[in-house]
Protein backbone atom coordinates (compact mmCIF):
# COMPACT_ATOMS: atom_id res chain seq x y z
CA MET A 1 6.07 -57.87 159.62
CA SER A 2 6.99 -54.27 159.87
CA LEU A 3 7.82 -51.75 157.20
CA SER A 4 10.02 -49.77 159.48
CA GLY A 5 12.85 -48.35 157.39
CA ARG A 6 11.13 -49.28 154.08
CA LYS A 7 11.18 -46.61 151.30
CA ILE A 8 8.12 -46.45 149.10
CA LEU A 9 7.46 -44.31 146.09
CA LEU A 10 3.78 -43.83 145.69
CA ILE A 11 2.43 -42.48 142.14
CA VAL A 12 -1.13 -40.95 142.55
CA SER A 13 -2.81 -40.89 139.02
CA GLY A 14 -6.05 -39.58 137.67
CA SER A 15 -8.93 -41.28 139.32
CA VAL A 16 -11.70 -40.23 141.58
CA ALA A 17 -10.19 -42.62 143.96
CA ALA A 18 -6.92 -40.65 144.47
CA TYR A 19 -8.56 -39.30 147.81
CA LYS A 20 -7.96 -42.81 149.05
CA ALA A 21 -3.98 -42.60 148.67
CA LEU A 22 -4.24 -40.41 151.85
CA GLU A 23 -5.48 -43.19 153.87
CA LEU A 24 -3.04 -45.68 152.42
CA ILE A 25 -0.06 -43.31 153.21
CA ARG A 26 -1.35 -43.08 156.80
CA LEU A 27 -1.35 -46.68 157.00
CA LEU A 28 1.99 -47.11 155.60
CA ARG A 29 3.58 -44.47 157.87
CA LYS A 30 1.86 -46.12 160.86
CA ASP A 31 3.59 -49.18 159.92
CA GLY A 32 7.00 -47.35 159.89
CA ALA A 33 7.37 -46.84 156.02
CA GLU A 34 8.76 -43.58 154.50
CA VAL A 35 6.55 -42.53 151.49
CA TRP A 36 7.65 -40.21 148.98
CA PRO A 37 4.41 -39.27 146.68
CA ILE A 38 4.50 -38.47 142.95
CA LEU A 39 1.31 -36.68 141.67
CA THR A 40 0.33 -36.93 138.01
CA SER A 41 -1.51 -33.95 136.47
CA GLY A 42 -4.67 -36.13 136.51
CA GLY A 43 -4.16 -37.04 140.03
CA ALA A 44 -4.01 -33.34 140.97
CA ARG A 45 -7.67 -33.12 139.79
CA PHE A 46 -8.76 -35.12 142.47
CA VAL A 47 -6.27 -34.77 145.42
CA THR A 48 -3.98 -31.77 146.38
CA LYS A 49 -0.25 -31.55 146.75
CA GLU A 50 -0.77 -30.01 150.01
CA ALA A 51 -2.87 -32.99 151.54
CA LEU A 52 -0.36 -35.62 150.33
CA ALA A 53 2.54 -33.50 151.79
CA GLY A 54 0.80 -33.20 154.84
CA ILE A 55 0.05 -36.78 155.49
CA SER A 56 3.29 -38.13 153.93
CA GLY A 57 5.58 -35.59 155.75
CA ALA A 58 7.59 -35.58 152.73
CA ARG A 59 8.03 -33.17 149.44
CA VAL A 60 5.42 -34.12 146.77
CA HIS A 61 7.01 -34.26 143.14
CA ASP A 62 4.78 -33.59 140.34
CA ASP A 63 6.87 -31.98 137.44
CA LEU A 64 9.68 -33.71 135.53
CA TRP A 65 11.69 -30.84 134.73
CA ALA A 66 11.81 -29.49 138.37
CA ALA A 67 12.55 -32.90 139.61
CA GLU A 68 15.52 -32.98 137.24
CA ALA A 69 16.67 -29.69 138.42
CA GLU A 70 16.60 -30.73 142.13
CA ILE A 71 16.87 -34.46 142.52
CA GLY A 72 16.92 -35.83 139.12
CA HIS A 73 14.53 -38.70 137.96
CA ILE A 74 17.23 -41.38 138.01
CA ARG A 75 17.90 -40.80 141.65
CA LEU A 76 14.06 -40.74 142.28
CA ALA A 77 14.02 -44.21 140.59
CA ARG A 78 16.68 -45.47 142.54
CA TRP A 79 15.53 -44.29 145.90
CA PRO A 80 12.68 -46.83 146.81
CA ASP A 81 12.35 -50.52 147.71
CA LEU A 82 8.94 -50.35 145.96
CA VAL A 83 6.99 -48.24 143.57
CA VAL A 84 3.51 -48.29 143.95
CA ALA A 85 0.89 -46.67 141.64
CA ALA A 86 -2.43 -46.30 143.69
CA PRO A 87 -4.49 -45.48 141.99
CA ALA A 88 -3.45 -46.57 138.51
CA SER A 89 -5.40 -45.05 135.79
CA ALA A 90 -5.96 -46.61 132.46
CA ASN A 91 -3.74 -44.01 130.93
CA LEU A 92 -0.78 -44.76 133.32
CA LEU A 93 -1.08 -48.43 132.54
CA ALA A 94 -1.00 -47.80 129.00
CA GLY A 95 2.04 -45.46 129.39
CA MET A 96 3.80 -48.17 131.56
CA ALA A 97 2.94 -50.96 128.89
CA GLN A 98 4.28 -48.89 126.06
CA GLY A 99 7.46 -47.69 127.84
CA LEU A 100 6.43 -43.92 127.38
CA ALA A 101 8.15 -41.45 129.35
CA GLY A 102 6.13 -38.38 128.69
CA ASP A 103 5.90 -37.14 132.48
CA LEU A 104 7.58 -37.58 135.95
CA ALA A 105 5.53 -40.80 136.69
CA THR A 106 6.07 -42.74 133.59
CA THR A 107 9.89 -41.66 133.51
CA VAL A 108 10.48 -42.99 137.07
CA LEU A 109 8.47 -46.25 136.20
CA LEU A 110 10.48 -46.77 133.01
CA ALA A 111 13.92 -45.91 135.06
CA THR A 112 13.33 -47.67 138.30
CA ARG A 113 14.90 -51.06 139.25
CA ALA A 114 12.65 -51.72 142.25
CA PRO A 115 9.64 -53.89 142.12
CA VAL A 116 6.40 -52.09 141.09
CA LEU A 117 3.09 -52.69 142.26
CA VAL A 118 -0.24 -51.28 140.85
CA ALA A 119 -3.59 -50.85 142.04
CA PRO A 120 -5.94 -50.13 139.03
CA ALA A 121 -9.10 -47.82 139.21
CA MET A 122 -11.30 -47.05 136.31
CA ASN A 123 -14.64 -47.42 134.91
CA PRO A 124 -15.75 -51.00 134.17
CA ALA A 125 -16.01 -50.60 130.70
CA MET A 126 -12.27 -49.18 130.46
CA TRP A 127 -10.94 -52.05 132.57
CA ALA A 128 -12.59 -54.75 130.11
CA HIS A 129 -11.52 -52.89 127.08
CA PRO A 130 -9.22 -55.04 124.93
CA ALA A 131 -6.47 -52.47 125.13
CA THR A 132 -6.32 -52.52 128.91
CA VAL A 133 -6.56 -56.19 128.99
CA THR A 134 -3.61 -56.54 126.75
CA ASN A 135 -1.67 -53.72 128.65
CA ALA A 136 -2.38 -55.51 132.04
CA ALA A 137 -1.31 -58.75 130.63
CA LEU A 138 2.01 -57.31 129.15
CA LEU A 139 2.74 -55.66 132.48
CA ARG A 140 2.13 -59.08 134.68
CA ALA A 141 4.52 -60.79 132.05
CA ARG A 142 7.02 -58.20 132.97
CA ASN A 143 6.47 -59.11 136.83
CA VAL A 144 4.53 -55.95 137.66
CA ALA A 145 2.24 -57.07 140.59
CA PHE A 146 -1.48 -56.18 140.50
CA VAL A 147 -3.89 -55.70 143.37
CA GLY A 148 -7.36 -55.26 142.28
CA PRO A 149 -9.42 -53.94 140.89
CA GLU A 150 -12.36 -54.93 143.03
CA GLU A 151 -16.35 -55.00 142.05
CA GLY A 152 -18.65 -52.53 143.38
CA PRO A 153 -20.28 -49.26 142.76
CA MET A 154 -18.38 -46.64 141.01
CA ALA A 155 -18.40 -42.80 141.28
CA GLU A 156 -20.77 -42.88 138.06
CA PRO A 157 -24.09 -44.47 138.63
CA GLU A 158 -22.64 -47.76 137.35
CA SER A 159 -21.22 -50.84 139.36
CA GLY A 160 -18.93 -53.47 138.08
CA LEU A 161 -15.10 -54.39 137.99
CA GLY A 162 -12.75 -51.65 138.29
CA ARG A 163 -13.18 -50.26 141.78
CA PHE A 164 -9.93 -49.39 143.50
CA ALA A 165 -8.96 -51.67 146.21
CA GLU A 166 -9.56 -50.74 149.66
CA PRO A 167 -6.55 -48.81 151.20
CA ALA A 168 -6.14 -51.92 153.86
CA THR A 169 -5.99 -54.40 150.84
CA VAL A 170 -3.40 -52.24 149.15
CA HIS A 171 -1.38 -51.86 152.42
CA ALA A 172 -1.51 -55.68 152.77
CA ALA A 173 -0.30 -56.33 149.29
CA ILE A 174 2.54 -53.77 149.78
CA ARG A 175 3.53 -55.72 153.02
CA ALA A 176 3.50 -59.10 150.98
CA ALA A 177 5.45 -57.35 148.28
CA LEU A 178 8.15 -56.42 150.80
CA ALA A 179 8.09 -59.51 152.74
CA ASP A 180 11.31 -61.26 153.43
CA GLY A 181 10.92 -65.12 153.16
CA PRO A 182 12.23 -67.99 151.27
CA LEU A 183 9.88 -67.49 148.41
CA ALA A 184 10.80 -63.73 148.01
CA GLY A 185 11.18 -62.67 144.51
CA LYS A 186 9.50 -65.80 143.28
CA HIS A 187 5.97 -65.85 141.32
CA ALA A 188 3.45 -68.62 142.15
CA ILE A 189 0.18 -69.28 140.24
CA VAL A 190 -2.54 -71.00 142.08
CA THR A 191 -6.01 -72.29 140.77
CA ALA A 192 -9.02 -72.68 143.36
CA GLY A 193 -12.41 -73.47 143.51
CA PRO A 194 -14.90 -75.22 140.81
CA THR A 195 -15.77 -74.26 137.30
CA HIS A 196 -19.13 -73.63 136.26
CA GLU A 197 -19.86 -75.02 132.56
CA PRO A 198 -23.22 -73.34 131.30
CA ILE A 199 -26.12 -75.61 130.05
CA ASP A 200 -28.14 -72.62 129.16
CA PRO A 201 -28.32 -68.94 130.58
CA VAL A 202 -29.39 -70.31 133.99
CA ARG A 203 -28.05 -73.82 134.47
CA TYR A 204 -24.64 -75.13 134.63
CA ILE A 205 -22.40 -78.34 135.59
CA ALA A 206 -20.44 -77.75 138.54
CA ASN A 207 -19.13 -79.63 141.59
CA ARG A 208 -18.88 -79.19 145.47
CA SER A 209 -15.59 -77.36 145.79
CA SER A 210 -15.49 -74.31 147.91
CA GLY A 211 -12.20 -72.91 147.08
CA LYS A 212 -10.89 -73.32 150.79
CA GLN A 213 -7.90 -75.40 150.24
CA GLY A 214 -6.71 -73.38 147.07
CA TYR A 215 -7.21 -69.85 148.76
CA ALA A 216 -5.30 -71.29 151.87
CA ILE A 217 -2.37 -72.40 149.59
CA ALA A 218 -2.34 -68.98 147.81
CA ALA A 219 -2.29 -67.19 151.38
CA ALA A 220 0.55 -69.45 152.59
CA LEU A 221 2.81 -69.07 149.61
CA ALA A 222 2.34 -64.94 149.99
CA ALA A 223 3.16 -65.45 153.52
CA LEU A 224 6.43 -66.95 152.66
CA GLY A 225 7.28 -63.87 150.50
CA ALA A 226 5.98 -65.02 146.94
CA ARG A 227 4.19 -62.91 144.57
CA VAL A 228 0.87 -64.96 143.98
CA THR A 229 -1.63 -64.94 141.22
CA LEU A 230 -4.84 -66.79 142.23
CA VAL A 231 -7.01 -67.81 139.54
CA SER A 232 -10.19 -68.59 141.07
CA GLY A 233 -13.53 -70.21 139.96
CA PRO A 234 -16.76 -69.32 141.31
CA SER A 235 -16.35 -69.26 145.04
CA ALA A 236 -18.11 -67.08 148.20
CA LEU A 237 -14.67 -66.45 149.49
CA PRO A 238 -13.35 -63.03 149.77
CA ASP A 239 -10.20 -61.73 147.78
CA LEU A 240 -7.04 -62.34 149.57
CA PRO A 241 -5.16 -59.19 150.42
CA GLY A 242 -1.74 -59.06 148.85
CA VAL A 243 -2.70 -61.65 146.36
CA THR A 244 -3.45 -60.78 142.63
CA MET A 245 -6.82 -62.27 142.00
CA GLN A 246 -8.44 -63.47 138.71
CA ARG A 247 -11.96 -64.64 138.92
CA VAL A 248 -13.23 -66.80 136.28
CA GLU A 249 -16.29 -69.03 135.44
CA SER A 250 -15.22 -71.84 132.91
CA ALA A 251 -12.35 -74.20 132.33
CA ARG A 252 -11.48 -72.33 129.06
CA GLU A 253 -11.46 -69.08 130.88
CA MET A 254 -9.35 -70.56 133.95
CA LEU A 255 -6.80 -71.93 131.28
CA ALA A 256 -6.61 -68.47 129.59
CA ALA A 257 -5.96 -66.62 133.04
CA VAL A 258 -3.35 -69.12 133.97
CA GLU A 259 -1.44 -68.51 130.54
CA ALA A 260 -1.81 -64.82 130.84
CA ALA A 261 -0.23 -64.95 134.24
CA LEU A 262 3.07 -66.82 133.20
CA PRO A 263 5.91 -66.82 133.60
CA ALA A 264 6.10 -68.34 137.03
CA ASP A 265 8.29 -70.25 139.22
CA ALA A 266 5.91 -72.44 140.58
CA ALA A 267 2.05 -73.39 139.68
CA VAL A 268 -0.44 -75.18 141.90
CA PHE A 269 -3.43 -76.47 140.41
CA ASN A 270 -5.98 -77.16 143.07
CA ALA A 271 -8.98 -76.14 141.26
CA ALA A 272 -11.79 -78.83 140.66
CA VAL A 273 -11.97 -78.19 137.11
CA ALA A 274 -15.09 -79.63 135.33
CA ASP A 275 -13.91 -82.45 133.01
CA PHE A 276 -16.71 -82.02 130.47
CA ARG A 277 -18.89 -79.11 129.41
CA PRO A 278 -22.05 -79.07 127.10
CA ASP A 279 -21.01 -79.09 123.64
CA ALA A 280 -23.41 -76.33 122.72
CA ALA A 281 -25.29 -73.90 125.36
CA PRO A 282 -28.46 -72.45 124.11
CA THR A 283 -28.85 -68.74 124.56
CA GLN A 284 -32.26 -69.20 125.82
CA LYS A 285 -33.53 -71.22 128.83
CA ILE A 286 -34.13 -74.95 127.99
CA LYS A 287 -37.87 -75.51 128.74
CA LYS A 288 -39.74 -78.46 130.08
CA GLU A 289 -42.29 -79.55 127.71
CA PRO A 290 -45.32 -81.49 129.30
CA GLY A 291 -45.17 -85.23 128.14
CA ALA A 292 -41.88 -84.65 126.23
CA PRO A 293 -38.57 -86.51 127.05
CA PRO A 294 -35.72 -84.96 128.84
CA PRO A 295 -33.58 -83.02 126.40
CA GLU A 296 -30.26 -84.69 125.44
CA ILE A 297 -27.05 -82.85 126.65
CA ARG A 298 -24.04 -83.73 124.37
CA LEU A 299 -20.88 -83.26 126.23
CA ALA A 300 -17.48 -82.22 125.08
CA LEU A 301 -13.99 -82.30 126.76
CA ASN A 302 -12.70 -79.59 128.43
CA PRO A 303 -8.96 -78.45 128.25
CA ASP A 304 -6.69 -80.08 130.62
CA ILE A 305 -5.15 -77.21 132.44
CA LEU A 306 -2.71 -79.16 134.51
CA ALA A 307 -1.30 -81.09 131.59
CA THR A 308 -1.18 -78.17 129.07
CA ILE A 309 0.92 -76.24 131.55
CA ALA A 310 3.13 -79.23 132.60
CA GLN A 311 3.91 -80.06 129.17
CA ARG A 312 4.58 -76.65 127.79
CA THR A 313 8.10 -76.26 125.95
CA THR A 314 8.29 -72.50 126.93
CA GLN A 315 7.73 -70.73 129.92
CA ARG A 316 7.04 -74.01 132.01
CA PRO A 317 6.98 -73.24 135.73
CA ARG A 318 9.99 -74.91 137.58
CA LEU A 319 7.59 -76.60 139.81
CA VAL A 320 4.15 -77.79 138.86
CA VAL A 321 1.90 -79.12 141.17
CA GLY A 322 -1.42 -81.02 140.65
CA PHE A 323 -4.25 -82.15 142.72
CA ALA A 324 -6.00 -85.54 142.45
CA ALA A 325 -9.47 -85.55 144.07
CA GLU A 326 -10.36 -89.39 144.08
CA THR A 327 -12.89 -91.56 145.84
CA GLU A 328 -10.84 -94.97 145.48
CA LYS A 329 -7.61 -96.29 144.93
CA VAL A 330 -6.24 -92.72 145.85
CA ILE A 331 -2.44 -93.36 145.57
CA GLU A 332 -2.82 -95.84 142.65
CA HIS A 333 -4.62 -93.25 140.47
CA ALA A 334 -2.66 -90.33 141.82
CA THR A 335 0.66 -91.94 140.74
CA ALA A 336 -0.78 -92.80 137.24
CA LYS A 337 -2.04 -89.19 136.90
CA ARG A 338 1.36 -87.63 137.58
CA ALA A 339 3.06 -89.72 134.94
CA ARG A 340 0.34 -88.98 132.41
CA LYS A 341 0.07 -85.37 133.04
CA GLY A 342 3.70 -84.64 133.13
CA CYS A 343 3.56 -82.54 136.56
CA ASP A 344 6.26 -82.70 139.16
CA TRP A 345 3.86 -83.47 142.08
CA ILE A 346 0.43 -84.63 142.78
CA VAL A 347 -1.42 -84.00 146.08
CA ALA A 348 -3.93 -86.71 146.46
CA ASN A 349 -6.75 -86.89 148.55
CA ASP A 350 -9.86 -88.89 149.14
CA VAL A 351 -13.05 -86.84 148.55
CA ALA A 352 -15.63 -89.47 149.47
CA GLY A 353 -16.46 -87.73 152.79
CA ASP A 354 -16.85 -84.11 153.54
CA VAL A 355 -13.46 -82.87 152.05
CA MET A 356 -15.28 -80.60 149.58
CA GLY A 357 -16.48 -77.67 151.40
CA GLY A 358 -15.22 -78.92 154.70
CA ALA A 359 -12.38 -77.40 157.03
CA GLU A 360 -9.99 -80.39 157.09
CA ASN A 361 -8.15 -82.52 154.66
CA ALA A 362 -5.77 -85.59 154.64
CA VAL A 363 -3.48 -85.82 151.56
CA HIS A 364 -0.66 -87.68 150.07
CA LEU A 365 2.06 -85.99 148.31
CA VAL A 366 3.29 -87.98 145.32
CA THR A 367 6.52 -87.12 143.86
CA ALA A 368 9.27 -88.62 141.81
CA GLY A 369 10.89 -89.92 144.92
CA GLY A 370 7.77 -91.69 146.36
CA VAL A 371 4.80 -91.17 148.38
CA GLU A 372 4.40 -88.95 151.59
CA ASP A 373 1.35 -89.59 153.74
CA TRP A 374 0.29 -86.62 155.74
CA PRO A 375 -2.24 -86.93 158.69
CA ARG A 376 -5.60 -85.22 158.58
CA MET A 377 -5.38 -81.64 159.40
CA ALA A 378 -6.71 -78.24 158.78
CA LYS A 379 -6.77 -77.01 155.48
CA GLU A 380 -4.69 -74.13 156.25
CA GLU A 381 -2.15 -76.54 157.88
CA VAL A 382 -2.04 -78.58 154.54
CA ALA A 383 -1.28 -75.51 152.73
CA ARG A 384 1.37 -74.16 155.07
CA ARG A 385 3.16 -77.66 154.70
CA LEU A 386 3.01 -77.45 150.93
CA ALA A 387 4.20 -73.99 150.62
CA LEU A 388 7.18 -74.78 152.85
CA ARG A 389 7.89 -77.91 150.47
CA ILE A 390 7.54 -75.55 147.43
CA ALA A 391 10.16 -73.12 148.89
CA GLU A 392 12.51 -76.01 149.80
CA ALA A 393 12.10 -77.22 146.29
CA LEU A 394 12.75 -73.92 144.67
CA SER A 395 15.51 -72.89 146.91
């Protein structure tokens, strides 16, 4: 798709990553978009108005009262097809969450009717602070889309989750946010990968899931115009451009991330969640003692994520899709699982071979109307077909 004729209001707030907004503007203009920058006082500490004006070819707005005299913040808020805050500082996210209107950026964000996309950038401790976590969850609940942050080295001699997503990644997210497609305006949650349930600080219970099928489903839904939140267990796969990534370890963390991402129009639970976890995980490594019997590990049930979401009385997605990985009686077990969990569809597959970690899959779609047998095909094609069926169901 092209962004030709699309109007993007780009808010550049206080982060050392503000200089990367220049490359983002270059990519957007190359794609045909018209970009109007808003520069906050914090952002002006890291990038100049002249640089933003030179790259964007547009007037840079940085003062509420000057804008009010010349164009008006309401007109500025109504102009764009999409408002993008990149980088979005912790202060800007807090102002958005609280509905503040203390400067031009927050005033426009409060007044706009356009969709909003934010690309956070801050120190890892700031991103992990409970206040920021709460603000981000509140903004997601209001349908603000997120891209990043990513994990990596920071401007300080530190590394962690809080790094500004690369301009190409933010560009891809903008394209996805403005995509025309049957799922435009819809929000989908997808889970993928395994979960790791700790036995002690160095060992865990897991399975062979690679996350390939879930990641492919998330990409296929985004390609049809959906805003997608991908909650991924431990996986070697890279983050998907244009998709909000939430990486977790355990089943309990995955459930919390899914609930934080609600509301949603559709939820696809592809993750191979561990049914059990050790009831207690020691804080020190369990040692093997010569001549002593192996230690006993008492197991506890993990939360049933699919059933929990499917049986919600509030904020239940319109369409809840589960997966059933079976080694025998695939359709029989999947049909029973659909009824037991309360979900709308079950995608069942036989994992007795090389499906987990492999490139192909053969599935059966179990719905209230019956069973569809799909031939063996690439996981990307399974994802594409499922995404089209979801779009049809939500239309």
